[in-house]
PDB file of N, CA and C in Angstrom:
ATOM      1  N   UNK A   1      -8.429 -10.670  -9.534  1.00  0.00           N
ATOM      2  CA  UNK A   1      -8.668  -9.899  -8.321  1.00  0.00           C
ATOM      3  C   UNK A   1      -7.382  -9.187  -7.936  1.00  0.00           C
ATOM      4  N   UNK A   2      -7.477  -7.958  -7.612  1.00  0.00           N
ATOM      5  CA  UNK A   2      -6.340  -7.159  -7.205  1.00  0.00           C
ATOM      6  C   UNK A   2      -6.067  -7.338  -5.728  1.00  0.00           C
ATOM      7  N   UNK A   3      -4.780  -7.253  -5.362  1.00  0.00           N
ATOM      8  CA  UNK A   3      -4.467  -7.364  -3.945  1.00  0.00           C
ATOM      9  C   UNK A   3      -4.901  -6.118  -3.177  1.00  0.00           C
ATOM     10  N   UNK A   4      -5.431  -5.139  -3.883  1.00  0.00           N
ATOM     11  CA  UNK A   4      -5.941  -3.947  -3.223  1.00  0.00           C
ATOM     12  C   UNK A   4      -7.446  -4.012  -2.996  1.00  0.00           C
ATOM     13  N   UNK A   5      -8.077  -5.084  -3.474  1.00  0.00           N
ATOM     14  CA  UNK A   5      -9.492  -5.269  -3.210  1.00  0.00           C
ATOM     15  C   UNK A   5      -9.691  -5.464  -1.714  1.00  0.00           C
ATOM     16  N   UNK A   6     -10.796  -4.958  -1.222  1.00  0.00           N
ATOM     17  CA  UNK A   6     -11.056  -4.971   0.212  1.00  0.00           C
ATOM     18  C   UNK A   6     -11.069  -6.379   0.802  1.00  0.00           C
ATOM     19  N   UNK A   7     -11.596  -7.343   0.054  1.00  0.00           N
ATOM     20  CA  UNK A   7     -11.724  -8.690   0.587  1.00  0.00           C
ATOM     21  C   UNK A   7     -10.599  -9.625   0.135  1.00  0.00           C
ATOM     22  N   UNK A   8      -9.508  -9.077  -0.373  1.00  0.00           N
ATOM     23  CA  UNK A   8      -8.378  -9.881  -0.825  1.00  0.00           C
ATOM     24  C   UNK A   8      -7.653 -10.471   0.379  1.00  0.00           C
ATOM     25  N   UNK A   9      -7.350 -11.750   0.320  1.00  0.00           N
ATOM     26  CA  UNK A   9      -6.566 -12.399   1.359  1.00  0.00           C
ATOM     27  C   UNK A   9      -5.262 -12.880   0.748  1.00  0.00           C
ATOM     28  N   UNK A  10      -4.157 -12.580   1.424  1.00  0.00           N
ATOM     29  CA  UNK A  10      -2.855 -13.010   0.941  1.00  0.00           C
ATOM     30  C   UNK A  10      -2.719 -14.523   1.057  1.00  0.00           C
ATOM     31  N   UNK A  11      -2.058 -15.108   0.069  1.00  0.00           N
ATOM     32  CA  UNK A  11      -1.792 -16.542   0.136  1.00  0.00           C
ATOM     33  C   UNK A  11      -0.672 -16.795   1.140  1.00  0.00           C
ATOM     34  N   UNK A  12      -0.530 -18.036   1.539  1.00  0.00           N
ATOM     35  CA  UNK A  12       0.554 -18.401   2.455  1.00  0.00           C
ATOM     36  C   UNK A  12       1.902 -18.059   1.847  1.00  0.00           C
ATOM     37  N   UNK A  13       2.039 -18.273   0.517  1.00  0.00           N
ATOM     38  CA  UNK A  13       3.299 -17.965  -0.138  1.00  0.00           C
ATOM     39  C   UNK A  13       3.584 -16.462  -0.078  1.00  0.00           C
ATOM     40  N   UNK A  14       2.570 -15.642  -0.342  1.00  0.00           N
ATOM     41  CA  UNK A  14       2.765 -14.181  -0.317  1.00  0.00           C
ATOM     42  C   UNK A  14       3.188 -13.702   1.064  1.00  0.00           C
ATOM     43  N   UNK A  15       2.600 -14.278   2.086  1.00  0.00           N
ATOM     44  CA  UNK A  15       2.959 -13.906   3.453  1.00  0.00           C
ATOM     45  C   UNK A  15       4.403 -14.318   3.745  1.00  0.00           C
ATOM     46  N   UNK A  16       4.768 -15.544   3.370  1.00  0.00           N
ATOM     47  CA  UNK A  16       6.131 -16.025   3.604  1.00  0.00           C
ATOM     48  C   UNK A  16       7.149 -15.192   2.821  1.00  0.00           C
ATOM     49  N   UNK A  17       6.817 -14.858   1.570  1.00  0.00           N
ATOM     50  CA  UNK A  17       7.705 -14.038   0.742  1.00  0.00           C
ATOM     51  C   UNK A  17       7.897 -12.665   1.373  1.00  0.00           C
ATOM     52  N   UNK A  18       6.810 -12.042   1.773  1.00  0.00           N
ATOM     53  CA  UNK A  18       6.870 -10.718   2.388  1.00  0.00           C
ATOM     54  C   UNK A  18       7.698 -10.751   3.674  1.00  0.00           C
ATOM     55  N   UNK A  19       7.497 -11.779   4.474  1.00  0.00           N
ATOM     56  CA  UNK A  19       8.255 -11.903   5.726  1.00  0.00           C
ATOM     57  C   UNK A  19       9.744 -12.078   5.453  1.00  0.00           C
ATOM     58  N   UNK A  20      10.087 -12.873   4.430  1.00  0.00           N
ATOM     59  CA  UNK A  20      11.493 -13.083   4.079  1.00  0.00           C
ATOM     60  C   UNK A  20      12.126 -11.793   3.566  1.00  0.00           C
ATOM     61  N   UNK A  21      11.389 -11.030   2.769  1.00  0.00           N
ATOM     62  CA  UNK A  21      11.893  -9.725   2.294  1.00  0.00           C
ATOM     63  C   UNK A  21      12.130  -8.804   3.486  1.00  0.00           C
ATOM     64  N   UNK A  22      11.160  -8.735   4.385  1.00  0.00           N
ATOM     65  CA  UNK A  22      11.275  -7.839   5.534  1.00  0.00           C
ATOM     66  C   UNK A  22      12.435  -8.247   6.435  1.00  0.00           C
ATOM     67  N   UNK A  23      12.607  -9.543   6.630  1.00  0.00           N
ATOM     68  CA  UNK A  23      13.717 -10.031   7.451  1.00  0.00           C
ATOM     69  C   UNK A  23      15.063  -9.618   6.852  1.00  0.00           C
ATOM     70  N   UNK A  24      15.182  -9.744   5.530  1.00  0.00           N
ATOM     71  CA  UNK A  24      16.413  -9.348   4.846  1.00  0.00           C
ATOM     72  C   UNK A  24      16.655  -7.849   5.004  1.00  0.00           C
ATOM     73  N   UNK A  25      15.615  -7.060   4.792  1.00  0.00           N
ATOM     74  CA  UNK A  25      15.758  -5.601   4.906  1.00  0.00           C
ATOM     75  C   UNK A  25      16.086  -5.186   6.337  1.00  0.00           C
ATOM     76  N   UNK A  26      15.478  -5.848   7.310  1.00  0.00           N
ATOM     77  CA  UNK A  26      15.790  -5.543   8.707  1.00  0.00           C
ATOM     78  C   UNK A  26      17.267  -5.818   8.990  1.00  0.00           C
ATOM     79  N   UNK A  27      17.778  -6.926   8.462  1.00  0.00           N
ATOM     80  CA  UNK A  27      19.184  -7.266   8.642  1.00  0.00           C
ATOM     81  C   UNK A  27      20.114  -6.286   7.947  1.00  0.00           C
ATOM     82  N   UNK A  28      19.601  -5.625   6.921  1.00  0.00           N
ATOM     83  CA  UNK A  28      20.397  -4.637   6.178  1.00  0.00           C
ATOM     84  C   UNK A  28      20.267  -3.237   6.770  1.00  0.00           C
ATOM     85  N   UNK A  29      19.562  -3.127   7.900  1.00  0.00           N
ATOM     86  CA  UNK A  29      19.429  -1.835   8.566  1.00  0.00           C
ATOM     87  C   UNK A  29      18.312  -0.969   8.036  1.00  0.00           C
ATOM     88  N   UNK A  30      17.357  -1.558   7.376  1.00  0.00           N
ATOM     89  CA  UNK A  30      16.256  -0.794   6.790  1.00  0.00           C
ATOM     90  C   UNK A  30      14.950  -0.975   7.554  1.00  0.00           C
ATOM     91  N   UNK A  31      15.034  -1.361   8.788  1.00  0.00           N
ATOM     92  CA  UNK A  31      13.840  -1.571   9.596  1.00  0.00           C
ATOM     93  C   UNK A  31      13.032  -0.281   9.703  1.00  0.00           C
ATOM     94  N   UNK A  32      11.742  -0.387   9.475  1.00  0.00           N
ATOM     95  CA  UNK A  32      10.861   0.765   9.611  1.00  0.00           C
ATOM     96  C   UNK A  32      10.706   1.612   8.364  1.00  0.00           C
ATOM     97  N   UNK A  33      11.458   1.307   7.310  1.00  0.00           N
ATOM     98  CA  UNK A  33      11.322   2.067   6.077  1.00  0.00           C
ATOM     99  C   UNK A  33      10.196   1.494   5.233  1.00  0.00           C
ATOM    100  N   UNK A  34       9.502   2.353   4.520  1.00  0.00           N
ATOM    101  CA  UNK A  34       8.490   1.860   3.593  1.00  0.00           C
ATOM    102  C   UNK A  34       9.192   1.356   2.335  1.00  0.00           C
ATOM    103  N   UNK A  35       8.475   0.575   1.555  1.00  0.00           N
ATOM    104  CA  UNK A  35       9.064  -0.043   0.372  1.00  0.00           C
ATOM    105  C   UNK A  35       9.651   0.986  -0.592  1.00  0.00           C
ATOM    106  N   UNK A  36       9.000   2.136  -0.726  1.00  0.00           N
ATOM    107  CA  UNK A  36       9.498   3.146  -1.672  1.00  0.00           C
ATOM    108  C   UNK A  36      10.694   3.925  -1.127  1.00  0.00           C
ATOM    109  N   UNK A  37      11.038   3.734   0.142  1.00  0.00           N
ATOM    110  CA  UNK A  37      12.208   4.393   0.721  1.00  0.00           C
ATOM    111  C   UNK A  37      13.469   3.531   0.632  1.00  0.00           C
ATOM    112  N   UNK A  38      13.315   2.275   0.237  1.00  0.00           N
ATOM    113  CA  UNK A  38      14.438   1.348   0.151  1.00  0.00           C
ATOM    114  C   UNK A  38      15.068   1.460  -1.236  1.00  0.00           C
ATOM    115  N   UNK A  39      16.394   1.476  -1.274  1.00  0.00           N
ATOM    116  CA  UNK A  39      17.125   1.519  -2.530  1.00  0.00           C
ATOM    117  C   UNK A  39      16.665   0.371  -3.431  1.00  0.00           C
ATOM    118  N   UNK A  40      16.368   0.653  -4.695  1.00  0.00           N
ATOM    119  CA  UNK A  40      15.878  -0.396  -5.603  1.00  0.00           C
ATOM    120  C   UNK A  40      16.815  -1.606  -5.720  1.00  0.00           C
ATOM    121  N   UNK A  41      18.118  -1.379  -5.695  1.00  0.00           N
ATOM    122  CA  UNK A  41      19.067  -2.491  -5.770  1.00  0.00           C
ATOM    123  C   UNK A  41      18.977  -3.366  -4.530  1.00  0.00           C
ATOM    124  N   UNK A  42      18.823  -2.745  -3.372  1.00  0.00           N
ATOM    125  CA  UNK A  42      18.679  -3.504  -2.131  1.00  0.00           C
ATOM    126  C   UNK A  42      17.362  -4.267  -2.120  1.00  0.00           C
ATOM    127  N   UNK A  43      16.315  -3.651  -2.629  1.00  0.00           N
ATOM    128  CA  UNK A  43      15.018  -4.339  -2.699  1.00  0.00           C
ATOM    129  C   UNK A  43      15.117  -5.555  -3.620  1.00  0.00           C
ATOM    130  N   UNK A  44      15.829  -5.425  -4.725  1.00  0.00           N
ATOM    131  CA  UNK A  44      16.018  -6.553  -5.636  1.00  0.00           C
ATOM    132  C   UNK A  44      16.781  -7.683  -4.950  1.00  0.00           C
ATOM    133  N   UNK A  45      17.797  -7.327  -4.166  1.00  0.00           N
ATOM    134  CA  UNK A  45      18.537  -8.335  -3.401  1.00  0.00           C
ATOM    135  C   UNK A  45      17.619  -9.027  -2.392  1.00  0.00           C
ATOM    136  N   UNK A  46      16.789  -8.253  -1.718  1.00  0.00           N
ATOM    137  CA  UNK A  46      15.875  -8.805  -0.718  1.00  0.00           C
ATOM    138  C   UNK A  46      14.871  -9.748  -1.377  1.00  0.00           C
ATOM    139  N   UNK A  47      14.353  -9.380  -2.531  1.00  0.00           N
ATOM    140  CA  UNK A  47      13.390 -10.227  -3.234  1.00  0.00           C
ATOM    141  C   UNK A  47      14.056 -11.498  -3.750  1.00  0.00           C
ATOM    142  N   UNK A  48      15.292 -11.397  -4.226  1.00  0.00           N
ATOM    143  CA  UNK A  48      16.023 -12.585  -4.679  1.00  0.00           C
ATOM    144  C   UNK A  48      16.268 -13.521  -3.494  1.00  0.00           C
ATOM    145  N   UNK A  49      16.633 -12.955  -2.362  1.00  0.00           N
ATOM    146  CA  UNK A  49      16.832 -13.758  -1.152  1.00  0.00           C
ATOM    147  C   UNK A  49      15.535 -14.451  -0.751  1.00  0.00           C
ATOM    148  N   UNK A  50      14.440 -13.716  -0.799  1.00  0.00           N
ATOM    149  CA  UNK A  50      13.142 -14.282  -0.413  1.00  0.00           C
ATOM    150  C   UNK A  50      12.763 -15.441  -1.330  1.00  0.00           C
ATOM    151  N   UNK A  51      13.036 -15.323  -2.621  1.00  0.00           N
ATOM    152  CA  UNK A  51      12.746 -16.420  -3.549  1.00  0.00           C
ATOM    153  C   UNK A  51      13.574 -17.657  -3.219  1.00  0.00           C
ATOM    154  N   UNK A  52      14.817 -17.459  -2.765  1.00  0.00           N
ATOM    155  CA  UNK A  52      15.649 -18.583  -2.347  1.00  0.00           C
ATOM    156  C   UNK A  52      15.060 -19.257  -1.113  1.00  0.00           C
ATOM    157  N   UNK A  53      14.504 -18.453  -0.224  1.00  0.00           N
ATOM    158  CA  UNK A  53      13.957 -18.971   1.030  1.00  0.00           C
ATOM    159  C   UNK A  53      12.635 -19.705   0.801  1.00  0.00           C
ATOM    160  N   UNK A  54      11.705 -19.082   0.078  1.00  0.00           N
ATOM    161  CA  UNK A  54      10.352 -19.655  -0.041  1.00  0.00           C
ATOM    162  C   UNK A  54      10.100 -20.367  -1.362  1.00  0.00           C
ATOM    163  N   UNK A  55      10.990 -20.200  -2.331  1.00  0.00           N
ATOM    164  CA  UNK A  55      10.795 -20.840  -3.632  1.00  0.00           C
ATOM    165  C   UNK A  55       9.828 -20.046  -4.488  1.00  0.00           C
ATOM    166  N   UNK A  56       9.620 -20.512  -5.715  1.00  0.00           N
ATOM    167  CA  UNK A  56       8.731 -19.794  -6.636  1.00  0.00           C
ATOM    168  C   UNK A  56       7.265 -19.876  -6.181  1.00  0.00           C
ATOM    169  N   UNK A  57       6.504 -18.902  -6.594  1.00  0.00           N
ATOM    170  CA  UNK A  57       5.090 -18.848  -6.250  1.00  0.00           C
ATOM    171  C   UNK A  57       4.351 -19.980  -6.988  1.00  0.00           C
ATOM    172  N   UNK A  58       3.771 -20.916  -6.260  1.00  0.00           N
ATOM    173  CA  UNK A  58       3.089 -22.031  -6.934  1.00  0.00           C
ATOM    174  C   UNK A  58       1.858 -21.582  -7.715  1.00  0.00           C
ATOM    175  N   UNK A  59       1.300 -20.439  -7.394  1.00  0.00           N
ATOM    176  CA  UNK A  59       0.131 -19.928  -8.105  1.00  0.00           C
ATOM    177  C   UNK A  59       0.497 -19.360  -9.465  1.00  0.00           C
ATOM    178  N   UNK A  60       1.784 -19.083  -9.703  1.00  0.00           N
ATOM    179  CA  UNK A  60       2.210 -18.498 -10.966  1.00  0.00           C
ATOM    180  C   UNK A  60       2.961 -19.488 -11.843  1.00  0.00           C
ATOM    181  N   UNK A  61       3.065 -20.740 -11.428  1.00  0.00           N
ATOM    182  CA  UNK A  61       3.744 -21.732 -12.240  1.00  0.00           C
ATOM    183  C   UNK A  61       2.912 -22.046 -13.467  1.00  0.00           C
ATOM    184  N   UNK A  62       3.581 -22.246 -14.576  1.00  0.00           N
ATOM    185  CA  UNK A  62       2.878 -22.517 -15.828  1.00  0.00           C
ATOM    186  C   UNK A  62       2.946 -23.962 -16.177  1.00  0.00           C
TER     187      UNK A  62
END
């Protein structure tokens, strides 16, 4: 199922990850920017930070 499907619901982990990314970007002065407006290096830093905060996605563990 794609996350773009109309009836898709985000998992708790996805919500926590997204919130951690947004918090990092807000702290970096990127509040209000869309994802494609953020520098790719900064986005990578934000995602790495979010993984430290929420841990790996339990749905993708092998």
